[in-house]
C-alpha atoms as a PDB file:
ATOM      1  CA  MET A   1      32.066 -66.492 -36.655  1.00  0.00           C
ATOM      2  CA  THR A   2      29.268 -67.617 -35.027  1.00  0.00           C
ATOM      3  CA  PRO A   3      26.300 -66.010 -32.912  1.00  0.00           C
ATOM      4  CA  LYS A   4      27.620 -68.308 -30.242  1.00  0.00           C
ATOM      5  CA  ILE A   5      31.069 -67.565 -30.394  1.00  0.00           C
ATOM      6  CA  ARG A   6      30.590 -64.280 -30.444  1.00  0.00           C
ATOM      7  CA  ALA A   7      28.479 -64.539 -26.992  1.00  0.00           C
ATOM      8  CA  LEU A   8      31.151 -66.546 -25.404  1.00  0.00           C
ATOM      9  CA  ALA A   9      33.593 -63.506 -26.503  1.00  0.00           C
ATOM     10  CA  ALA A  10      31.401 -61.083 -25.507  1.00  0.00           C
ATOM     11  CA  VAL A  11      30.494 -63.083 -21.478  1.00  0.00           C
ATOM     12  CA  VAL A  12      35.013 -63.386 -21.324  1.00  0.00           C
ATOM     13  CA  ALA A  13      35.675 -59.462 -21.770  1.00  0.00           C
ATOM     14  CA  SER A  14      32.991 -58.528 -19.885  1.00  0.00           C
ATOM     15  CA  ALA A  15      33.648 -61.091 -17.018  1.00  0.00           C
ATOM     16  CA  PHE A  16      37.060 -60.306 -16.302  1.00  0.00           C
ATOM     17  CA  ALA A  17      37.524 -57.510 -17.950  1.00  0.00           C
ATOM     18  CA  PRO A  18      37.998 -54.545 -15.046  1.00  0.00           C
ATOM     19  CA  ALA A  19      36.203 -51.012 -16.512  1.00  0.00           C
ATOM     20  CA  ALA A  20      36.521 -47.794 -14.221  1.00  0.00           C
ATOM     21  CA  CYS A  21      34.460 -48.149 -11.543  1.00  0.00           C
ATOM     22  CA  GLU A  22      34.105 -51.464 -12.358  1.00  0.00           C
ATOM     23  CA  GLY A  23      30.711 -50.141 -13.585  1.00  0.00           C
ATOM     24  CA  ASP A  24      28.707 -52.481 -15.891  1.00  0.00           C
ATOM     25  CA  THR A  25      28.824 -51.938 -19.714  1.00  0.00           C
ATOM     26  CA  THR A  26      28.648 -54.091 -23.069  1.00  0.00           C
ATOM     27  CA  ALA A  27      32.333 -55.453 -23.711  1.00  0.00           C
ATOM     28  CA  PRO A  28      33.218 -55.964 -27.488  1.00  0.00           C
ATOM     29  CA  VAL A  29      32.796 -58.980 -29.773  1.00  0.00           C
ATOM     30  CA  ALA A  30      36.586 -59.889 -30.890  1.00  0.00           C
ATOM     31  CA  PRO A  31      37.003 -63.501 -32.711  1.00  0.00           C
ATOM     32  CA  VAL A  32      37.933 -65.542 -29.311  1.00  0.00           C
ATOM     33  CA  ASN A  33      41.386 -66.999 -31.458  1.00  0.00           C
ATOM     34  CA  ASP A  34      42.491 -62.959 -31.480  1.00  0.00           C
ATOM     35  CA  VAL A  35      44.102 -63.032 -28.277  1.00  0.00           C
ATOM     36  CA  SER A  36      46.406 -60.154 -28.311  1.00  0.00           C
ATOM     37  CA  PHE A  37      43.067 -57.482 -29.112  1.00  0.00           C
ATOM     38  CA  ASP A  38      41.100 -59.667 -25.907  1.00  0.00           C
ATOM     39  CA  VAL A  39      44.830 -58.351 -24.191  1.00  0.00           C
ATOM     40  CA  ALA A  40      44.683 -55.104 -25.567  1.00  0.00           C
ATOM     41  CA  VAL A  41      40.933 -54.916 -24.117  1.00  0.00           C
ATOM     42  CA  LEU A  42      42.071 -55.812 -21.153  1.00  0.00           C
ATOM     43  CA  ALA A  43      44.833 -53.561 -19.988  1.00  0.00           C
ATOM     44  CA  ALA A  44      42.711 -51.052 -21.704  1.00  0.00           C
ATOM     45  CA  ASP A  45      39.895 -51.251 -19.175  1.00  0.00           C
ATOM     46  CA  ALA A  46      42.570 -52.100 -16.213  1.00  0.00           C
ATOM     47  CA  ALA A  47      44.486 -49.009 -17.605  1.00  0.00           C
ATOM     48  CA  LEU A  48      41.021 -46.251 -17.483  1.00  0.00           C
ATOM     49  CA  ALA A  49      40.223 -48.295 -13.224  1.00  0.00           C
ATOM     50  CA  ASP A  50      43.970 -46.883 -12.787  1.00  0.00           C
ATOM     51  CA  LEU A  51      43.670 -44.238 -13.690  1.00  0.00           C
ATOM     52  CA  ASP A  52      39.915 -42.897 -12.149  1.00  0.00           C
ATOM     53  CA  MET A  53      42.102 -44.538  -8.480  1.00  0.00           C
ATOM     54  CA  MET A  54      44.353 -41.519  -9.774  1.00  0.00           C
ATOM     55  CA  THR A  55      41.885 -39.030 -10.141  1.00  0.00           C
ATOM     56  CA  ALA A  56      40.278 -39.821  -6.846  1.00  0.00           C
ATOM     57  CA  PHE A  57      43.598 -39.138  -5.196  1.00  0.00           C
ATOM     58  CA  SER A  58      42.595 -35.143  -6.047  1.00  0.00           C
ATOM     59  CA  LEU A  59      39.485 -34.917  -5.007  1.00  0.00           C
ATOM     60  CA  PRO A  60      38.693 -33.230  -1.052  1.00  0.00           C
ATOM     61  CA  GLY A  61      38.150 -34.879   2.260  1.00  0.00           C
ATOM     62  CA  LEU A  62      39.978 -38.236   1.699  1.00  0.00           C
ATOM     63  CA  ALA A  63      38.410 -40.325   3.941  1.00  0.00           C
ATOM     64  CA  ALA A  64      41.481 -43.117   5.581  1.00  0.00           C
ATOM     65  CA  VAL A  65      38.346 -46.169   4.839  1.00  0.00           C
ATOM     66  CA  SER A  66      36.167 -46.730   2.667  1.00  0.00           C
ATOM     67  CA  SER A  67      33.996 -49.867   1.233  1.00  0.00           C
ATOM     68  CA  ALA A  68      30.649 -50.520  -0.686  1.00  0.00           C
ATOM     69  CA  SER A  69      29.125 -54.355  -1.304  1.00  0.00           C
ATOM     70  CA  ASP A  70      26.070 -55.179  -2.925  1.00  0.00           C
ATOM     71  CA  ARG A  71      24.905 -58.888  -3.909  1.00  0.00           C
ATOM     72  CA  THR A  72      27.306 -59.706  -6.284  1.00  0.00           C
ATOM     73  CA  ARG A  73      30.240 -56.919  -5.598  1.00  0.00           C
ATOM     74  CA  GLU A  74      32.556 -55.765  -2.280  1.00  0.00           C
ATOM     75  CA  ARG A  75      34.916 -53.086  -2.952  1.00  0.00           C
ATOM     76  CA  SER A  76      37.579 -51.555  -0.233  1.00  0.00           C
ATOM     77  CA  ARG A  77      40.009 -49.242  -0.176  1.00  0.00           C
ATOM     78  CA  THR A  78      42.272 -47.828   2.869  1.00  0.00           C
ATOM     79  CA  ARG A  79      44.822 -44.734   2.447  1.00  0.00           C
ATOM     80  CA  THR A  80      47.506 -43.662   4.330  1.00  0.00           C
ATOM     81  CA  PHE A  81      48.575 -40.111   4.188  1.00  0.00           C
ATOM     82  CA  TYR A  82      52.758 -39.325   5.053  1.00  0.00           C
ATOM     83  CA  ASP A  83      54.406 -36.370   5.864  1.00  0.00           C
ATOM     84  CA  GLU A  84      57.506 -35.029   4.104  1.00  0.00           C
ATOM     85  CA  PHE A  85      59.908 -37.031   6.219  1.00  0.00           C
ATOM     86  CA  GLY A  86      57.699 -40.224   5.559  1.00  0.00           C
ATOM     87  CA  VAL A  87      55.815 -39.940   8.784  1.00  0.00           C
ATOM     88  CA  GLU A  88      52.070 -41.191   9.101  1.00  0.00           C
ATOM     89  CA  GLN A  89      49.525 -38.422   9.465  1.00  0.00           C
ATOM     90  CA  GLU A  90      46.015 -39.030  10.969  1.00  0.00           C
ATOM     91  CA  ALA A  91      44.422 -37.894   8.121  1.00  0.00           C
ATOM     92  CA  TYR A  92      44.877 -35.254   5.092  1.00  0.00           C
ATOM     93  CA  ASP A  93      46.370 -31.929   4.539  1.00  0.00           C
ATOM     94  CA  SER A  94      46.449 -29.960   1.876  1.00  0.00           C
ATOM     95  CA  LEU A  95      49.617 -28.276   1.938  1.00  0.00           C
ATOM     96  CA  LEU A  96      51.442 -30.368   4.932  1.00  0.00           C
ATOM     97  CA  THR A  97      50.645 -34.729   3.595  1.00  0.00           C
ATOM     98  CA  ALA A  98      53.337 -35.188   0.305  1.00  0.00           C
ATOM     99  CA  SER A  99      52.440 -38.547  -0.035  1.00  0.00           C
ATOM    100  CA  ILE A 100      49.448 -41.099  -0.102  1.00  0.00           C
ATOM    101  CA  VAL A 101      49.057 -44.601  -0.116  1.00  0.00           C
ATOM    102  CA  THR A 102      45.886 -46.333  -1.784  1.00  0.00           C
ATOM    103  CA  THR A 103      45.370 -50.135  -1.152  1.00  0.00           C
ATOM    104  CA  SER A 104      42.400 -51.395  -3.013  1.00  0.00           C
ATOM    105  CA  THR A 105      40.463 -54.601  -3.420  1.00  0.00           C
ATOM    106  CA  ALA A 106      37.690 -55.410  -5.638  1.00  0.00           C
ATOM    107  CA  THR A 107      36.002 -58.481  -5.836  1.00  0.00           C
ATOM    108  CA  ARG A 108      32.669 -59.513  -8.118  1.00  0.00           C
ATOM    109  CA  THR A 109      31.005 -62.818  -8.473  1.00  0.00           C
ATOM    110  CA  ARG A 110      27.798 -64.230 -10.847  1.00  0.00           C
ATOM    111  CA  GLU A 111      26.522 -67.035 -10.982  1.00  0.00           C
ATOM    112  CA  SER A 112      24.023 -68.232 -13.113  1.00  0.00           C
ATOM    113  CA  GLU A 113      22.063 -71.792 -14.504  1.00  0.00           C
ATOM    114  CA  ARG A 114      24.420 -71.593 -17.858  1.00  0.00           C
ATOM    115  CA  LEU A 115      27.077 -69.199 -16.548  1.00  0.00           C
ATOM    116  CA  THR A 116      29.019 -68.513 -13.108  1.00  0.00           C
ATOM    117  CA  ALA A 117      31.908 -65.910 -12.599  1.00  0.00           C
ATOM    118  CA  SER A 118      33.846 -64.452 -10.290  1.00  0.00           C
ATOM    119  CA  SER A 119      37.070 -61.876 -10.414  1.00  0.00           C
ATOM    120  CA  GLU A 120      39.628 -60.167  -7.673  1.00  0.00           C
ATOM    121  CA  HIS A 121      41.323 -56.612  -8.369  1.00  0.00           C
ATOM    122  CA  ARG A 122      44.143 -55.497  -6.203  1.00  0.00           C
ATOM    123  CA  ARG A 123      46.264 -52.417  -6.493  1.00  0.00           C
ATOM    124  CA  THR A 124      48.593 -50.388  -4.056  1.00  0.00           C
ATOM    125  CA  ILE A 125      49.135 -46.710  -6.041  1.00  0.00           C
ATOM    126  CA  GLU A 126      51.627 -43.861  -3.689  1.00  0.00           C
ATOM    127  CA  ALA A 127      51.011 -40.392  -4.900  1.00  0.00           C
ATOM    128  CA  THR A 128      53.582 -38.553  -4.306  1.00  0.00           C
ATOM    129  CA  GLY A 129      55.000 -34.178  -5.181  1.00  0.00           C
ATOM    130  CA  LEU A 130      51.866 -32.728  -2.984  1.00  0.00           C
ATOM    131  CA  LEU A 131      53.115 -31.004  -0.379  1.00  0.00           C
ATOM    132  CA  GLY A 132      52.156 -27.861  -0.242  1.00  0.00           C
ATOM    133  CA  VAL A 133      50.207 -26.473  -3.547  1.00  0.00           C
ATOM    134  CA  GLU A 134      50.776 -28.697  -6.314  1.00  0.00           C
ATOM    135  CA  THR A 135      50.630 -28.066  -9.679  1.00  0.00           C
ATOM    136  CA  GLU A 136      51.688 -32.189 -10.740  1.00  0.00           C
ATOM    137  CA  ARG A 137      51.678 -36.451  -8.705  1.00  0.00           C
ATOM    138  CA  THR A 138      52.746 -38.821  -9.557  1.00  0.00           C
ATOM    139  CA  PHE A 139      52.204 -42.053  -9.290  1.00  0.00           C
ATOM    140  CA  ASP A 140      54.009 -45.434  -8.766  1.00  0.00           C
ATOM    141  CA  GLY A 141      52.146 -48.592  -8.243  1.00  0.00           C
ATOM    142  CA  SER A 142      51.548 -52.074  -8.605  1.00  0.00           C
ATOM    143  CA  GLY A 143      47.752 -54.687  -8.858  1.00  0.00           C
ATOM    144  CA  THR A 144      47.224 -57.926  -9.932  1.00  0.00           C
ATOM    145  CA  HIS A 145      44.167 -59.779 -11.073  1.00  0.00           C
ATOM    146  CA  THR A 146      42.368 -62.423 -11.162  1.00  0.00           C
ATOM    147  CA  SER A 147      38.992 -63.976 -12.559  1.00  0.00           C
ATOM    148  CA  SER A 148      37.910 -67.231 -14.031  1.00  0.00           C
ATOM    149  CA  GLY A 149      33.951 -68.574 -14.867  1.00  0.00           C
ATOM    150  CA  ALA A 150      32.607 -71.288 -16.981  1.00  0.00           C
ATOM    151  CA  ARG A 151      29.519 -71.177 -19.481  1.00  0.00           C
ATOM    152  CA  VAL A 152      26.866 -73.789 -20.560  1.00  0.00           C
ATOM    153  CA  THR A 153      26.453 -74.162 -24.062  1.00  0.00           C
ATOM    154  CA  GLY A 154      23.475 -76.882 -24.182  1.00  0.00           C
ATOM    155  CA  ASP A 155      25.132 -79.575 -27.334  1.00  0.00           C
ATOM    156  CA  GLU A 156      29.047 -77.753 -26.992  1.00  0.00           C
ATOM    157  CA  GLY A 157      29.286 -78.577 -23.708  1.00  0.00           C
ATOM    158  CA  THR A 158      30.666 -75.963 -20.893  1.00  0.00           C
ATOM    159  CA  ARG A 159      33.704 -73.183 -21.791  1.00  0.00           C
ATOM    160  CA  THR A 160      35.695 -71.982 -19.138  1.00  0.00           C
ATOM    161  CA  TRP A 161      38.021 -69.388 -18.985  1.00  0.00           C
ATOM    162  CA  ASP A 162      41.380 -68.144 -16.351  1.00  0.00           C
ATOM    163  CA  VAL A 163      42.979 -64.909 -16.395  1.00  0.00           C
ATOM    164  CA  ASN A 164      45.716 -64.106 -14.102  1.00  0.00           C
ATOM    165  CA  GLY A 165      47.119 -60.550 -14.367  1.00  0.00           C
ATOM    166  CA  SER A 166      50.299 -58.052 -12.738  1.00  0.00           C
ATOM    167  CA  SER A 167      50.048 -54.382 -12.538  1.00  0.00           C
ATOM    168  CA  THR A 168      53.378 -52.310 -12.301  1.00  0.00           C
ATOM    169  CA  ILE A 169      52.889 -48.697 -12.678  1.00  0.00           C
ATOM    170  CA  THR A 170      55.870 -46.283 -13.096  1.00  0.00           C
ATOM    171  CA  GLU A 171      56.145 -42.283 -13.043  1.00  0.00           C
ATOM    172  CA  VAL A 172      52.540 -42.055 -14.232  1.00  0.00           C
ATOM    173  CA  VAL A 173      52.142 -37.833 -14.129  1.00  0.00           C
ATOM    174  CA  ARG A 174      49.342 -36.158 -13.782  1.00  0.00           C
ATOM    175  CA  ALA A 175      47.535 -32.215 -13.248  1.00  0.00           C
ATOM    176  CA  VAL A 176      46.434 -31.202 -10.370  1.00  0.00           C
ATOM    177  CA  ASP A 177      44.228 -29.295 -12.853  1.00  0.00           C
ATOM    178  CA  ARG A 178      42.166 -32.254 -14.953  1.00  0.00           C
ATOM    179  CA  ALA A 179      40.314 -29.424 -16.469  1.00  0.00           C
ATOM    180  CA  ALA A 180      42.492 -27.148 -18.044  1.00  0.00           C
ATOM    181  CA  GLN A 181      44.814 -30.857 -18.591  1.00  0.00           C
ATOM    182  CA  PRO A 182      42.319 -34.082 -17.978  1.00  0.00           C
ATOM    183  CA  TRP A 183      45.439 -36.309 -19.561  1.00  0.00           C
ATOM    184  CA  PRO A 184      48.068 -37.953 -18.094  1.00  0.00           C
ATOM    185  CA  LEU A 185      51.392 -36.495 -19.291  1.00  0.00           C
ATOM    186  CA  SER A 186      53.870 -39.331 -18.450  1.00  0.00           C
ATOM    187  CA  GLY A 187      54.605 -42.801 -17.424  1.00  0.00           C
ATOM    188  CA  SER A 188      53.416 -46.408 -18.010  1.00  0.00           C
ATOM    189  CA  ILE A 189      51.857 -49.496 -17.340  1.00  0.00           C
ATOM    190  CA  ARG A 190      52.769 -52.268 -18.264  1.00  0.00           C
ATOM    191  CA  ARG A 191      50.812 -55.279 -17.636  1.00  0.00           C
ATOM    192  CA  THR A 192      51.541 -59.280 -17.612  1.00  0.00           C
ATOM    193  CA  VAL A 193      48.555 -61.277 -18.596  1.00  0.00           C
ATOM    194  CA  THR A 194      47.675 -65.219 -18.811  1.00  0.00           C
ATOM    195  CA  ILE A 195      44.935 -66.274 -20.274  1.00  0.00           C
ATOM    196  CA  VAL A 196      43.168 -69.988 -20.733  1.00  0.00           C
ATOM    197  CA  ARG A 197      39.935 -70.987 -22.568  1.00  0.00           C
ATOM    198  CA  THR A 198      38.378 -74.424 -22.788  1.00  0.00           C
ATOM    199  CA  GLY A 199      35.542 -75.871 -25.038  1.00  0.00           C
ATOM    200  CA  LEU A 200      36.501 -73.757 -27.665  1.00  0.00           C
ATOM    201  CA  PRO A 201      35.380 -74.847 -30.887  1.00  0.00           C
ATOM    202  CA  ASP A 202      38.819 -74.175 -32.706  1.00  0.00           C
ATOM    203  CA  GLY A 203      40.582 -75.354 -29.350  1.00  0.00           C
ATOM    204  CA  ASP A 204      42.173 -74.415 -26.424  1.00  0.00           C
ATOM    205  CA  ILE A 205      44.015 -70.994 -25.952  1.00  0.00           C
ATOM    206  CA  ASP A 206      46.968 -71.431 -22.920  1.00  0.00           C
ATOM    207  CA  GLU A 207      48.729 -67.961 -24.048  1.00  0.00           C
ATOM    208  CA  THR A 208      50.900 -65.057 -22.517  1.00  0.00           C
ATOM    209  CA  ARG A 209      51.359 -61.438 -23.202  1.00  0.00           C
ATOM    210  CA  GLU A 210      53.360 -58.673 -22.040  1.00  0.00           C
ATOM    211  CA  THR A 211      51.602 -55.349 -22.664  1.00  0.00           C
ATOM    212  CA  LEU A 212      52.946 -51.519 -22.154  1.00  0.00           C
ATOM    213  CA  LEU A 213      51.000 -48.453 -22.499  1.00  0.00           C
ATOM    214  CA  THR A 214      52.225 -45.605 -23.124  1.00  0.00           C
ATOM    215  CA  PHE A 215      50.932 -41.452 -22.143  1.00  0.00           C
ATOM    216  CA  ASN A 216      52.501 -38.751 -23.838  1.00  0.00           C
ATOM    217  CA  GLY A 217      49.534 -35.888 -22.662  1.00  0.00           C
ATOM    218  CA  THR A 218      47.168 -36.952 -25.068  1.00  0.00           C
ATOM    219  CA  GLN A 219      43.819 -37.775 -25.237  1.00  0.00           C
ATOM    220  CA  PHE A 220      45.565 -40.808 -26.614  1.00  0.00           C
ATOM    221  CA  ALA A 221      47.879 -43.367 -25.811  1.00  0.00           C
ATOM    222  CA  THR A 222      49.827 -46.458 -27.695  1.00  0.00           C
ATOM    223  CA  LEU A 223      49.437 -49.904 -26.026  1.00  0.00           C
ATOM    224  CA  THR A 224      51.875 -52.123 -27.247  1.00  0.00           C
ATOM    225  CA  VAL A 225      51.035 -56.644 -26.756  1.00  0.00           C
ATOM    226  CA  ASP A 226      54.251 -58.468 -27.166  1.00  0.00           C
ATOM    227  CA  GLY A 227      55.396 -55.566 -29.646  1.00  0.00           C
ATOM    228  CA  GLU A 228      52.078 -55.395 -31.726  1.00  0.00           C
ATOM    229  CA  THR A 229      50.651 -51.951 -31.667  1.00  0.00           C
ATOM    230  CA  PHE A 230      47.432 -50.611 -30.710  1.00  0.00           C
ATOM    231  CA  GLU A 231      45.790 -46.714 -29.794  1.00  0.00           C
ATOM    232  CA  VAL A 232      43.556 -45.836 -27.114  1.00  0.00           C
ATOM    233  CA  ASP A 233      41.142 -43.473 -27.089  1.00  0.00           C
ATOM    234  CA  LEU A 234      41.044 -42.655 -23.158  1.00  0.00           C
ATOM    235  CA  ALA A 235      38.314 -40.785 -23.162  1.00  0.00           C
ATOM    236  CA  ASP A 236      35.943 -42.932 -25.132  1.00  0.00           C
ATOM    237  CA  ARG A 237      34.336 -45.483 -21.237  1.00  0.00           C
ATOM    238  CA  GLY A 238      33.119 -47.902 -22.890  1.00  0.00           C
ATOM    239  CA  ARG A 239      34.904 -51.344 -22.280  1.00  0.00           C
ATOM    240  CA  GLY A 240      37.186 -51.835 -24.850  1.00  0.00           C
ATOM    241  CA  SER A 241      35.894 -49.536 -27.785  1.00  0.00           C
ATOM    242  CA  GLY A 242      38.663 -47.511 -27.449  1.00  0.00           C
ATOM    243  CA  VAL A 243      41.084 -49.486 -28.014  1.00  0.00           C
ATOM    244  CA  SER A 244      42.029 -50.332 -32.236  1.00  0.00           C
ATOM    245  CA  ARG A 245      45.180 -51.014 -34.594  1.00  0.00           C
ATOM    246  CA  PRO A 246      46.648 -48.189 -36.098  1.00  0.00           C
ATOM    247  CA  ARG A 247      46.196 -47.657 -39.391  1.00  0.00           C
ATOM    248  CA  ARG A 248      48.870 -47.527 -41.410  1.00  0.00           C
ATOM    249  CA  GLY A 249      51.093 -45.029 -42.153  1.00  0.00           C
ATOM    250  CA  GLY A 250      49.840 -43.720 -38.442  1.00  0.00           C
ATOM    251  CA  SER A 251      47.346 -42.794 -36.330  1.00  0.00           C
ATOM    252  CA  THR A 252      43.198 -44.015 -36.769  1.00  0.00           C
ATOM    253  CA  GLY A 253      42.257 -40.038 -37.497  1.00  0.00           C
ATOM    254  CA  ARG A 254      39.946 -39.861 -34.622  1.00  0.00           C
END
């Protein structure tokens, strides 16, 4: 792979991958024709952001509305609290709130002489099992993400990408005491991802992948991309660096 193709792979990954808390980190470099690995990285990073959003449910003093913005980003969250009968509450009650529905939107833009990129991530997650003194919470939800961009590469012309996806969170169980048990106990996150890239030396790409990430109470979750298996290290917060193909015979042994 030439340095220019490596640079494009990194730019594409960093532009559309929603890292934990939507922070800026360095994207891993993968071959541009390794679509399954690219999708695995995106799915893993998006899952980390999902888990961070679930972690926010455990913070004291939950606000009903929060927002933040700067020159390139905007983020907003709204929370609705319900009692055991499904009646909406004005504020969170540590004993009487039975469920919380959180909706979040995050948008980002990047623009320079040679690069333009934009992305939007929307999530709605419901936490149940909160009533009374709790030990576990269950999370269900859905989300969408879109991103697009273009990069001018001198004599090689302009390369573009569009990424669209949707996700479904199903019965992800997490312990309230995260110090004792930081990893999701069970549940899954399913994603459909479509990647379109043009202007690549080895041909354009227009492919869709189905992904499924399953949790088992350990630091390592299993991710399948159209049947191909990857391992995701949930403790590795660098963008995509926790994704690997298991060695023959089982785990990577980390």
